[in-house]
Amino acid sequence: MTEVQARPGANAYGYFDVAAREYVITRPDTPTPWLNYIGEGRYGGIVSNTGGGYSFDRDPRNRRVTRYRYNSIPVDQPGRYVYLRDQESGEYWGVTASPTKVVLDDYECRHGTAYTRISAAHKGIATEMTYFVPLTSVDEPVPCELWVLKIRNTGTTPRRLRSFSYAEFSFADAFNDLTNLDWAQHIVFSNCEEGVIRVATKFRPSTYFFASSDKPAGFTCDREDFVGRGRDLADPIVVETGTPSNLNSPRGNSVGSLAHDIELAPGEERQIVFIMGATERPAEIDRIVARYSDPSEVASAFQALKDDWSAYL
């Protein structure tokens, strides 16, 4: 049997795994971003094979949640990112192939049915990031997406890490976010209370939020504070120094960055779930964050998604 017969769609960058119903990308330098959809029409978005992409609530033009620059340089930015920093050496890298310029020791992306899983390894740390949108009823007031991050120490010595998430929020009207940013930036603001970043817009009822299953060690709400003057997402100042700003964003560019301290013995694994969504009933945010801070709820939601797609297909 030839490789093409054994692996349909096989090429220099990947192949189709028939049994898993996943397209497997084996190297990150695809000719263009290779994208997948998450969500089923209400809340959702696109995810690329290097972690790029955006989110929206029902309408990607008029109810955009996060930004994405289709023709950006560097390509395929921004997206749903988590940086890892070794607290002993100061070295840092991403759990996805972008946005840092670090060449990972190992990489694989699996685009599945409404989910994407990116596995990587670097410097004795193995990671697995799964992005998906839990199935919800039509009357759920707080639709959201989950980033399920697993981090494992594959080495023989204890490791002390600090993680930094990154999501860049958009003005709801994506066109105005591009063409009338001087106005839009004056009416979008964000703050962090009890580990939950909330992004609101004057004159609009919607609130975006970014939270995690674990209590964060710090936060950064403003892009300029996170990236630093004269830098970009490949080398943000917060990650380089290892110190979140712990500052809100009264206007400008709101981001969702939560820092977490991670200590791993040899062979030990830890899971952190990031929860991002949109709602017009902000009082309900704590409920949905509490729900998906429970690992069993996360596992059940992912299995329900796979079962739903299996039945459909």
C-alpha atoms as a PDB file:
ATOM      1  CA  MET A   1       0.000   0.000   0.000  1.00  0.00           C
ATOM      2  CA  THR A   2       1.367   3.446  -0.916  1.00  0.00           C
ATOM      3  CA  GLU A   3       1.575   6.303   1.546  1.00  0.00           C
ATOM      4  CA  VAL A   4      -1.224   8.128  -0.297  1.00  0.00           C
ATOM      5  CA  GLN A   5      -3.491   5.091   0.037  1.00  0.00           C
ATOM      6  CA  ALA A   6      -2.618   4.687   3.726  1.00  0.00           C
ATOM      7  CA  ARG A   7      -2.832   8.407   4.387  1.00  0.00           C
ATOM      8  CA  PRO A   8      -5.331  10.176   2.100  1.00  0.00           C
ATOM      9  CA  GLY A   9      -4.423  13.727   1.241  1.00  0.00           C
ATOM     10  CA  ALA A  10      -0.785  13.108   2.169  1.00  0.00           C
ATOM     11  CA  ASN A  11       1.635  15.844   1.144  1.00  0.00           C
ATOM     12  CA  ALA A  12       4.729  17.551   2.478  1.00  0.00           C
ATOM     13  CA  TYR A  13       2.748  19.161   5.302  1.00  0.00           C
ATOM     14  CA  GLY A  14       0.319  16.505   6.500  1.00  0.00           C
ATOM     15  CA  TYR A  15      -2.331  13.899   5.809  1.00  0.00           C
ATOM     16  CA  PHE A  16      -5.899  12.932   6.637  1.00  0.00           C
ATOM     17  CA  ASP A  17      -6.433  10.528   9.552  1.00  0.00           C
ATOM     18  CA  VAL A  18      -9.576   8.703   8.446  1.00  0.00           C
ATOM     19  CA  ALA A  19     -10.245   6.873  11.705  1.00  0.00           C
ATOM     20  CA  ALA A  20      -9.989  10.023  13.817  1.00  0.00           C
ATOM     21  CA  ARG A  21     -11.695  12.274  11.224  1.00  0.00           C
ATOM     22  CA  GLU A  22      -8.807  14.721  11.617  1.00  0.00           C
ATOM     23  CA  TYR A  23      -6.488  16.435   9.194  1.00  0.00           C
ATOM     24  CA  VAL A  24      -3.000  16.113  10.664  1.00  0.00           C
ATOM     25  CA  ILE A  25      -0.481  18.880   9.956  1.00  0.00           C
ATOM     26  CA  THR A  26       3.035  17.700  10.692  1.00  0.00           C
ATOM     27  CA  ARG A  27       4.969  20.933  10.137  1.00  0.00           C
ATOM     28  CA  PRO A  28       3.942  24.514  10.903  1.00  0.00           C
ATOM     29  CA  ASP A  29       5.318  26.257   7.800  1.00  0.00           C
ATOM     30  CA  THR A  30       2.309  25.614   5.571  1.00  0.00           C
ATOM     31  CA  PRO A  31       2.111  27.735   2.375  1.00  0.00           C
ATOM     32  CA  THR A  32      -0.736  29.745   3.924  1.00  0.00           C
ATOM     33  CA  PRO A  33      -2.491  29.433   7.300  1.00  0.00           C
ATOM     34  CA  TRP A  34      -4.491  26.188   7.262  1.00  0.00           C
ATOM     35  CA  LEU A  35      -7.680  27.010   9.134  1.00  0.00           C
ATOM     36  CA  ASN A  36     -10.433  25.162  10.935  1.00  0.00           C
ATOM     37  CA  TYR A  37     -13.808  26.320  12.239  1.00  0.00           C
ATOM     38  CA  ILE A  38     -14.847  25.915  15.859  1.00  0.00           C
ATOM     39  CA  GLY A  39     -18.439  26.440  16.963  1.00  0.00           C
ATOM     40  CA  GLU A  40     -21.653  25.597  15.177  1.00  0.00           C
ATOM     41  CA  GLY A  41     -22.960  28.968  14.045  1.00  0.00           C
ATOM     42  CA  ARG A  42     -23.690  30.907  17.215  1.00  0.00           C
ATOM     43  CA  TYR A  43     -20.442  31.589  19.067  1.00  0.00           C
ATOM     44  CA  GLY A  44     -17.325  30.393  17.291  1.00  0.00           C
ATOM     45  CA  GLY A  45     -14.431  31.334  15.075  1.00  0.00           C
ATOM     46  CA  ILE A  46     -11.465  30.122  13.105  1.00  0.00           C
ATOM     47  CA  VAL A  47      -8.232  28.554  14.359  1.00  0.00           C
ATOM     48  CA  SER A  48      -5.096  28.145  12.262  1.00  0.00           C
ATOM     49  CA  ASN A  49      -2.482  25.437  12.501  1.00  0.00           C
ATOM     50  CA  THR A  50      -0.185  27.824  14.384  1.00  0.00           C
ATOM     51  CA  GLY A  51      -2.767  29.221  16.807  1.00  0.00           C
ATOM     52  CA  GLY A  52      -3.849  32.242  14.752  1.00  0.00           C
ATOM     53  CA  GLY A  53      -7.486  33.181  14.198  1.00  0.00           C
ATOM     54  CA  TYR A  54     -10.412  35.061  15.694  1.00  0.00           C
ATOM     55  CA  SER A  55     -13.694  34.616  17.559  1.00  0.00           C
ATOM     56  CA  PHE A  56     -17.166  36.079  17.085  1.00  0.00           C
ATOM     57  CA  ASP A  57     -20.636  35.937  18.584  1.00  0.00           C
ATOM     58  CA  ARG A  58     -23.185  35.044  15.880  1.00  0.00           C
ATOM     59  CA  ASP A  59     -21.793  37.495  13.306  1.00  0.00           C
ATOM     60  CA  PRO A  60     -18.085  37.873  12.423  1.00  0.00           C
ATOM     61  CA  ARG A  61     -18.595  41.350  10.957  1.00  0.00           C
ATOM     62  CA  ASN A  62     -20.906  43.001  13.478  1.00  0.00           C
ATOM     63  CA  ARG A  63     -20.266  40.957  16.638  1.00  0.00           C
ATOM     64  CA  ARG A  64     -16.531  40.298  16.498  1.00  0.00           C
ATOM     65  CA  VAL A  65     -14.877  39.276  19.780  1.00  0.00           C
ATOM     66  CA  THR A  66     -11.152  39.071  18.935  1.00  0.00           C
ATOM     67  CA  ARG A  67      -8.976  40.448  16.149  1.00  0.00           C
ATOM     68  CA  TYR A  68      -7.269  38.790  13.207  1.00  0.00           C
ATOM     69  CA  ARG A  69      -5.313  40.482  10.430  1.00  0.00           C
ATOM     70  CA  TYR A  70      -5.865  38.463   7.268  1.00  0.00           C
ATOM     71  CA  ASN A  71      -2.917  39.913   5.376  1.00  0.00           C
ATOM     72  CA  SER A  72      -0.598  40.605   8.284  1.00  0.00           C
ATOM     73  CA  ILE A  73       3.179  40.555   8.432  1.00  0.00           C
ATOM     74  CA  PRO A  74       4.179  38.397  10.218  1.00  0.00           C
ATOM     75  CA  VAL A  75       1.443  36.212   8.789  1.00  0.00           C
ATOM     76  CA  ASP A  76      -1.400  34.651  10.722  1.00  0.00           C
ATOM     77  CA  GLN A  77      -1.649  37.016  13.696  1.00  0.00           C
ATOM     78  CA  PRO A  78      -2.984  37.577  16.261  1.00  0.00           C
ATOM     79  CA  GLY A  79      -4.671  34.507  17.680  1.00  0.00           C
ATOM     80  CA  ARG A  80      -5.166  32.354  20.746  1.00  0.00           C
ATOM     81  CA  TYR A  81      -1.743  32.131  22.332  1.00  0.00           C
ATOM     82  CA  VAL A  82      -0.071  30.853  25.479  1.00  0.00           C
ATOM     83  CA  TYR A  83       3.596  31.527  26.165  1.00  0.00           C
ATOM     84  CA  LEU A  84       5.695  29.441  28.551  1.00  0.00           C
ATOM     85  CA  ARG A  85       8.652  30.927  30.407  1.00  0.00           C
ATOM     86  CA  ASP A  86      11.277  28.891  32.269  1.00  0.00           C
ATOM     87  CA  GLN A  87      11.640  30.791  35.512  1.00  0.00           C
ATOM     88  CA  GLU A  88      15.189  29.510  36.077  1.00  0.00           C
ATOM     89  CA  SER A  89      16.730  30.293  32.676  1.00  0.00           C
ATOM     90  CA  GLY A  90      14.400  33.046  31.440  1.00  0.00           C
ATOM     91  CA  GLU A  91      13.890  31.218  28.119  1.00  0.00           C
ATOM     92  CA  TYR A  92      10.388  31.374  26.669  1.00  0.00           C
ATOM     93  CA  TRP A  93       8.443  29.848  23.795  1.00  0.00           C
ATOM     94  CA  GLY A  94       4.865  29.233  22.679  1.00  0.00           C
ATOM     95  CA  VAL A  95       2.666  26.170  23.005  1.00  0.00           C
ATOM     96  CA  THR A  96       1.764  26.861  19.360  1.00  0.00           C
ATOM     97  CA  ALA A  97       4.235  27.518  16.545  1.00  0.00           C
ATOM     98  CA  SER A  98       3.418  31.232  16.566  1.00  0.00           C
ATOM     99  CA  PRO A  99       3.903  33.971  17.554  1.00  0.00           C
ATOM    100  CA  THR A 100       7.417  33.411  18.927  1.00  0.00           C
ATOM    101  CA  LYS A 101      10.261  32.677  16.541  1.00  0.00           C
ATOM    102  CA  VAL A 102      11.425  29.698  18.596  1.00  0.00           C
ATOM    103  CA  VAL A 103      11.636  26.493  16.537  1.00  0.00           C
ATOM    104  CA  LEU A 104       9.854  23.837  18.575  1.00  0.00           C
ATOM    105  CA  ASP A 105      11.467  20.432  19.079  1.00  0.00           C
ATOM    106  CA  ASP A 106       8.232  18.721  18.060  1.00  0.00           C
ATOM    107  CA  TYR A 107       4.929  19.924  16.566  1.00  0.00           C
ATOM    108  CA  GLU A 108       1.642  18.487  15.337  1.00  0.00           C
ATOM    109  CA  CYS A 109      -1.734  20.092  14.627  1.00  0.00           C
ATOM    110  CA  ARG A 110      -4.932  18.062  14.305  1.00  0.00           C
ATOM    111  CA  HIS A 111      -7.926  19.857  12.795  1.00  0.00           C
ATOM    112  CA  GLY A 112     -10.964  17.828  13.830  1.00  0.00           C
ATOM    113  CA  THR A 113     -14.720  18.246  13.677  1.00  0.00           C
ATOM    114  CA  ALA A 114     -15.194  21.693  15.258  1.00  0.00           C
ATOM    115  CA  TYR A 115     -12.038  21.418  17.368  1.00  0.00           C
ATOM    116  CA  THR A 116      -8.310  21.868  16.867  1.00  0.00           C
ATOM    117  CA  ARG A 117      -5.562  20.237  18.922  1.00  0.00           C
ATOM    118  CA  ILE A 118      -1.956  21.406  18.710  1.00  0.00           C
ATOM    119  CA  SER A 119       0.761  19.326  20.357  1.00  0.00           C
ATOM    120  CA  ALA A 120       4.298  20.562  20.844  1.00  0.00           C
ATOM    121  CA  ALA A 121       7.485  19.842  22.773  1.00  0.00           C
ATOM    122  CA  HIS A 122      10.410  22.048  23.697  1.00  0.00           C
ATOM    123  CA  LYS A 123      13.213  21.904  26.263  1.00  0.00           C
ATOM    124  CA  GLY A 124      11.770  18.861  28.033  1.00  0.00           C
ATOM    125  CA  ILE A 125       8.239  20.255  28.263  1.00  0.00           C
ATOM    126  CA  ALA A 126       5.414  18.643  26.256  1.00  0.00           C
ATOM    127  CA  THR A 127       2.191  20.575  25.689  1.00  0.00           C
ATOM    128  CA  GLU A 128      -1.209  19.889  24.183  1.00  0.00           C
ATOM    129  CA  MET A 129      -3.673  22.672  23.455  1.00  0.00           C
ATOM    130  CA  THR A 130      -7.253  21.884  22.419  1.00  0.00           C
ATOM    131  CA  TYR A 131      -9.597  24.637  21.225  1.00  0.00           C
ATOM    132  CA  PHE A 132     -13.353  24.054  21.026  1.00  0.00           C
ATOM    133  CA  VAL A 133     -16.778  25.569  21.695  1.00  0.00           C
ATOM    134  CA  PRO A 134     -19.050  23.544  23.998  1.00  0.00           C
ATOM    135  CA  LEU A 135     -22.500  22.722  22.654  1.00  0.00           C
ATOM    136  CA  THR A 136     -25.090  25.039  24.185  1.00  0.00           C
ATOM    137  CA  SER A 137     -28.839  25.449  24.150  1.00  0.00           C
ATOM    138  CA  VAL A 138     -30.256  28.323  22.133  1.00  0.00           C
ATOM    139  CA  ASP A 139     -31.140  30.190  25.327  1.00  0.00           C
ATOM    140  CA  GLU A 140     -27.707  29.894  27.007  1.00  0.00           C
ATOM    141  CA  PRO A 141     -26.878  33.533  27.874  1.00  0.00           C
ATOM    142  CA  VAL A 142     -23.105  33.009  28.081  1.00  0.00           C
ATOM    143  CA  PRO A 143     -21.707  31.143  25.063  1.00  0.00           C
ATOM    144  CA  CYS A 144     -17.974  30.574  25.277  1.00  0.00           C
ATOM    145  CA  GLU A 145     -14.939  28.770  23.914  1.00  0.00           C
ATOM    146  CA  LEU A 146     -12.424  26.693  25.835  1.00  0.00           C
ATOM    147  CA  TRP A 147      -8.662  26.421  25.465  1.00  0.00           C
ATOM    148  CA  VAL A 148      -7.644  23.227  27.252  1.00  0.00           C
ATOM    149  CA  LEU A 149      -3.911  23.274  27.929  1.00  0.00           C
ATOM    150  CA  LYS A 150      -2.005  20.260  29.238  1.00  0.00           C
ATOM    151  CA  ILE A 151       1.634  20.706  30.247  1.00  0.00           C
ATOM    152  CA  ARG A 152       3.900  17.757  31.095  1.00  0.00           C
ATOM    153  CA  ASN A 153       7.477  17.595  32.333  1.00  0.00           C
ATOM    154  CA  THR A 154       9.181  14.931  30.201  1.00  0.00           C
ATOM    155  CA  GLY A 155      12.612  15.514  31.736  1.00  0.00           C
ATOM    156  CA  THR A 156      14.363  14.158  34.818  1.00  0.00           C
ATOM    157  CA  THR A 157      14.525  17.341  36.895  1.00  0.00           C
ATOM    158  CA  PRO A 158      11.801  19.537  38.433  1.00  0.00           C
ATOM    159  CA  ARG A 159      10.704  22.523  36.333  1.00  0.00           C
ATOM    160  CA  ARG A 160       9.395  25.906  37.393  1.00  0.00           C
ATOM    161  CA  LEU A 161       7.427  27.669  34.648  1.00  0.00           C
ATOM    162  CA  ARG A 162       5.177  30.684  34.265  1.00  0.00           C
ATOM    163  CA  SER A 163       2.538  30.806  31.513  1.00  0.00           C
ATOM    164  CA  PHE A 164       1.062  33.900  29.853  1.00  0.00           C
ATOM    165  CA  SER A 165      -2.112  33.738  27.778  1.00  0.00           C
ATOM    166  CA  TYR A 166      -2.899  36.246  25.035  1.00  0.00           C
ATOM    167  CA  ALA A 167      -6.114  37.166  23.234  1.00  0.00           C
ATOM    168  CA  GLU A 168      -6.560  40.566  21.529  1.00  0.00           C
ATOM    169  CA  PHE A 169     -10.083  41.917  21.724  1.00  0.00           C
ATOM    170  CA  SER A 170     -11.798  43.747  18.879  1.00  0.00           C
ATOM    171  CA  PHE A 171     -14.426  46.428  18.681  1.00  0.00           C
ATOM    172  CA  ALA A 172     -17.669  44.567  17.913  1.00  0.00           C
ATOM    173  CA  ASP A 173     -17.977  46.114  14.444  1.00  0.00           C
ATOM    174  CA  ALA A 174     -14.951  44.606  12.721  1.00  0.00           C
ATOM    175  CA  PHE A 175     -15.035  47.178   9.922  1.00  0.00           C
ATOM    176  CA  ASN A 176     -14.982  50.093  12.360  1.00  0.00           C
ATOM    177  CA  ASP A 177     -12.214  48.363  14.273  1.00  0.00           C
ATOM    178  CA  LEU A 178     -10.109  48.721  11.122  1.00  0.00           C
ATOM    179  CA  THR A 179     -11.264  52.088   9.802  1.00  0.00           C
ATOM    180  CA  ASN A 180     -12.381  54.114  12.814  1.00  0.00           C
ATOM    181  CA  LEU A 181     -10.019  52.892  15.478  1.00  0.00           C
ATOM    182  CA  ASP A 182      -9.384  56.345  16.946  1.00  0.00           C
ATOM    183  CA  TRP A 183     -13.032  56.404  18.068  1.00  0.00           C
ATOM    184  CA  ALA A 184     -13.431  52.716  18.874  1.00  0.00           C
ATOM    185  CA  GLN A 185     -10.410  52.694  21.175  1.00  0.00           C
ATOM    186  CA  HIS A 186     -11.919  55.445  23.310  1.00  0.00           C
ATOM    187  CA  ILE A 187     -15.068  53.505  24.154  1.00  0.00           C
ATOM    188  CA  VAL A 188     -13.680  49.986  24.769  1.00  0.00           C
ATOM    189  CA  PHE A 189     -12.281  49.326  28.236  1.00  0.00           C
ATOM    190  CA  SER A 190     -11.353  46.333  30.367  1.00  0.00           C
ATOM    191  CA  ASN A 191     -10.468  45.346  33.912  1.00  0.00           C
ATOM    192  CA  CYS A 192      -9.655  42.248  35.909  1.00  0.00           C
ATOM    193  CA  GLU A 193     -11.624  41.326  39.014  1.00  0.00           C
ATOM    194  CA  GLU A 194     -11.100  38.086  40.934  1.00  0.00           C
ATOM    195  CA  GLY A 195      -9.180  36.522  38.054  1.00  0.00           C
ATOM    196  CA  VAL A 196     -11.721  37.350  35.319  1.00  0.00           C
ATOM    197  CA  ILE A 197     -10.907  39.930  32.643  1.00  0.00           C
ATOM    198  CA  ARG A 198     -14.048  41.739  31.460  1.00  0.00           C
ATOM    199  CA  VAL A 199     -14.110  43.863  28.309  1.00  0.00           C
ATOM    200  CA  ALA A 200     -16.991  46.289  27.850  1.00  0.00           C
ATOM    201  CA  THR A 201     -17.979  48.959  25.321  1.00  0.00           C
ATOM    202  CA  LYS A 202     -19.745  52.214  26.083  1.00  0.00           C
ATOM    203  CA  PHE A 203     -23.159  52.454  24.416  1.00  0.00           C
ATOM    204  CA  ARG A 204     -23.363  48.646  23.902  1.00  0.00           C
ATOM    205  CA  PRO A 205     -24.765  46.011  26.257  1.00  0.00           C
ATOM    206  CA  SER A 206     -22.295  43.216  25.448  1.00  0.00           C
ATOM    207  CA  THR A 207     -19.376  42.144  27.633  1.00  0.00           C
ATOM    208  CA  TYR A 208     -16.496  39.920  26.569  1.00  0.00           C
ATOM    209  CA  PHE A 209     -14.625  37.933  29.190  1.00  0.00           C
ATOM    210  CA  PHE A 210     -11.468  35.896  29.618  1.00  0.00           C
ATOM    211  CA  ALA A 211     -10.870  33.625  32.605  1.00  0.00           C
ATOM    212  CA  SER A 212      -9.157  30.413  33.648  1.00  0.00           C
ATOM    213  CA  SER A 213      -9.768  27.334  35.732  1.00  0.00           C
ATOM    214  CA  ASP A 214      -6.854  28.183  38.055  1.00  0.00           C
ATOM    215  CA  LYS A 215      -6.301  31.339  40.066  1.00  0.00           C
ATOM    216  CA  PRO A 216      -3.863  33.521  38.107  1.00  0.00           C
ATOM    217  CA  ALA A 217      -0.606  34.889  39.512  1.00  0.00           C
ATOM    218  CA  GLY A 218      -1.213  38.156  37.682  1.00  0.00           C
ATOM    219  CA  PHE A 219      -2.852  39.757  34.665  1.00  0.00           C
ATOM    220  CA  THR A 220      -2.380  42.309  31.899  1.00  0.00           C
ATOM    221  CA  CYS A 221      -5.351  43.992  30.211  1.00  0.00           C
ATOM    222  CA  ASP A 222      -3.611  46.405  27.838  1.00  0.00           C
ATOM    223  CA  ARG A 223      -1.746  45.417  24.672  1.00  0.00           C
ATOM    224  CA  GLU A 224       0.877  48.137  24.989  1.00  0.00           C
ATOM    225  CA  ASP A 225       1.662  47.036  28.539  1.00  0.00           C
ATOM    226  CA  PHE A 226       1.933  43.422  27.414  1.00  0.00           C
ATOM    227  CA  VAL A 227       3.995  43.890  24.244  1.00  0.00           C
ATOM    228  CA  GLY A 228       6.142  46.882  25.175  1.00  0.00           C
ATOM    229  CA  ARG A 229       7.375  49.786  23.097  1.00  0.00           C
ATOM    230  CA  GLY A 230       9.100  48.805  19.852  1.00  0.00           C
ATOM    231  CA  ARG A 231       8.328  45.095  20.283  1.00  0.00           C
ATOM    232  CA  ASP A 232       5.870  42.622  18.817  1.00  0.00           C
ATOM    233  CA  LEU A 233       4.172  39.383  19.783  1.00  0.00           C
ATOM    234  CA  ALA A 234       7.366  37.393  19.174  1.00  0.00           C
ATOM    235  CA  ASP A 235       9.069  39.023  22.179  1.00  0.00           C
ATOM    236  CA  PRO A 236       6.571  40.773  24.453  1.00  0.00           C
ATOM    237  CA  ILE A 237       8.076  42.555  27.422  1.00  0.00           C
ATOM    238  CA  VAL A 238       5.771  40.882  29.950  1.00  0.00           C
ATOM    239  CA  VAL A 239       6.930  37.425  28.870  1.00  0.00           C
ATOM    240  CA  GLU A 240      10.588  38.393  28.611  1.00  0.00           C
ATOM    241  CA  THR A 241      10.651  39.838  32.116  1.00  0.00           C
ATOM    242  CA  GLY A 242       8.190  37.310  33.510  1.00  0.00           C
ATOM    243  CA  THR A 243       6.239  40.086  35.214  1.00  0.00           C
ATOM    244  CA  PRO A 244       2.589  40.860  34.382  1.00  0.00           C
ATOM    245  CA  SER A 245       1.638  44.529  34.622  1.00  0.00           C
ATOM    246  CA  ASN A 246      -1.472  43.924  36.785  1.00  0.00           C
ATOM    247  CA  LEU A 247      -2.996  46.984  35.109  1.00  0.00           C
ATOM    248  CA  ASN A 248      -6.459  47.516  33.662  1.00  0.00           C
ATOM    249  CA  SER A 249      -7.104  49.152  30.278  1.00  0.00           C
ATOM    250  CA  PRO A 250      -9.328  52.262  30.485  1.00  0.00           C
ATOM    251  CA  ARG A 251      -9.119  52.666  26.678  1.00  0.00           C
ATOM    252  CA  GLY A 252      -6.918  51.537  23.795  1.00  0.00           C
ATOM    253  CA  ASN A 253      -6.278  47.896  22.928  1.00  0.00           C
ATOM    254  CA  SER A 254      -7.717  45.443  25.441  1.00  0.00           C
ATOM    255  CA  VAL A 255      -6.139  41.988  25.729  1.00  0.00           C
ATOM    256  CA  GLY A 256      -6.738  38.915  27.816  1.00  0.00           C
ATOM    257  CA  SER A 257      -3.501  37.876  29.494  1.00  0.00           C
ATOM    258  CA  LEU A 258      -3.461  35.788  32.654  1.00  0.00           C
ATOM    259  CA  ALA A 259      -0.226  34.526  34.213  1.00  0.00           C
ATOM    260  CA  HIS A 260       0.000  31.161  35.981  1.00  0.00           C
ATOM    261  CA  ASP A 261       2.822  29.621  37.981  1.00  0.00           C
ATOM    262  CA  ILE A 262       3.446  25.982  37.143  1.00  0.00           C
ATOM    263  CA  GLU A 263       5.771  23.679  39.067  1.00  0.00           C
ATOM    264  CA  LEU A 264       6.197  20.177  37.654  1.00  0.00           C
ATOM    265  CA  ALA A 265       8.077  17.205  39.028  1.00  0.00           C
ATOM    266  CA  PRO A 266       9.558  14.783  36.467  1.00  0.00           C
ATOM    267  CA  GLY A 267       6.662  13.086  34.665  1.00  0.00           C
ATOM    268  CA  GLU A 268       4.057  15.359  36.256  1.00  0.00           C
ATOM    269  CA  GLU A 269       1.267  16.930  34.167  1.00  0.00           C
ATOM    270  CA  ARG A 270      -0.994  19.896  34.825  1.00  0.00           C
ATOM    271  CA  GLN A 271      -4.106  21.150  33.039  1.00  0.00           C
ATOM    272  CA  ILE A 272      -5.285  24.753  32.806  1.00  0.00           C
ATOM    273  CA  VAL A 273      -8.510  25.666  31.004  1.00  0.00           C
ATOM    274  CA  PHE A 274      -8.961  29.161  29.569  1.00  0.00           C
ATOM    275  CA  ILE A 275     -12.562  30.331  29.123  1.00  0.00           C
ATOM    276  CA  MET A 276     -13.418  33.145  26.693  1.00  0.00           C
ATOM    277  CA  GLY A 277     -16.841  34.300  25.620  1.00  0.00           C
ATOM    278  CA  ALA A 278     -19.410  37.037  25.128  1.00  0.00           C
ATOM    279  CA  THR A 279     -22.644  37.912  26.859  1.00  0.00           C
ATOM    280  CA  GLU A 280     -25.222  40.642  27.377  1.00  0.00           C
ATOM    281  CA  ARG A 281     -25.815  39.332  30.908  1.00  0.00           C
ATOM    282  CA  PRO A 282     -22.473  39.837  32.683  1.00  0.00           C
ATOM    283  CA  ALA A 283     -23.877  38.657  36.006  1.00  0.00           C
ATOM    284  CA  GLU A 284     -23.893  35.153  34.484  1.00  0.00           C
ATOM    285  CA  ILE A 285     -20.151  35.090  33.727  1.00  0.00           C
ATOM    286  CA  ASP A 286     -19.135  33.666  37.114  1.00  0.00           C
ATOM    287  CA  ARG A 287     -21.501  30.734  36.619  1.00  0.00           C
ATOM    288  CA  ILE A 288     -19.998  29.694  33.307  1.00  0.00           C
ATOM    289  CA  VAL A 289     -16.424  30.169  34.588  1.00  0.00           C
ATOM    290  CA  ALA A 290     -17.185  27.980  37.607  1.00  0.00           C
ATOM    291  CA  ARG A 291     -18.700  25.310  35.391  1.00  0.00           C
ATOM    292  CA  TYR A 292     -15.706  24.975  33.093  1.00  0.00           C
ATOM    293  CA  SER A 293     -13.227  25.199  35.929  1.00  0.00           C
ATOM    294  CA  ASP A 294     -14.360  21.646  36.699  1.00  0.00           C
ATOM    295  CA  PRO A 295     -12.230  19.168  34.667  1.00  0.00           C
ATOM    296  CA  SER A 296     -15.098  16.681  34.465  1.00  0.00           C
ATOM    297  CA  GLU A 297     -17.354  19.324  32.885  1.00  0.00           C
ATOM    298  CA  VAL A 298     -14.674  20.116  30.311  1.00  0.00           C
ATOM    299  CA  ALA A 299     -14.156  16.451  29.431  1.00  0.00           C
ATOM    300  CA  SER A 300     -17.914  15.897  29.204  1.00  0.00           C
ATOM    301  CA  ALA A 301     -18.364  18.942  26.954  1.00  0.00           C
ATOM    302  CA  PHE A 302     -15.646  17.772  24.570  1.00  0.00           C
ATOM    303  CA  GLN A 303     -17.073  14.260  24.382  1.00  0.00           C
ATOM    304  CA  ALA A 304     -20.557  15.650  23.724  1.00  0.00           C
ATOM    305  CA  LEU A 305     -19.157  17.692  20.839  1.00  0.00           C
ATOM    306  CA  LYS A 306     -17.477  14.642  19.293  1.00  0.00           C
ATOM    307  CA  ASP A 307     -20.599  12.515  19.767  1.00  0.00           C
ATOM    308  CA  ASP A 308     -22.760  15.178  18.127  1.00  0.00           C
ATOM    309  CA  TRP A 309     -20.515  15.304  15.064  1.00  0.00           C
ATOM    310  CA  SER A 310     -20.278  11.516  14.873  1.00  0.00           C
ATOM    311  CA  ALA A 311     -24.071  11.289  14.798  1.00  0.00           C
ATOM    312  CA  TYR A 312     -24.260  14.007  12.127  1.00  0.00           C
ATOM    313  CA  LEU A 313     -21.628  12.437   9.891  1.00  0.00           C
END
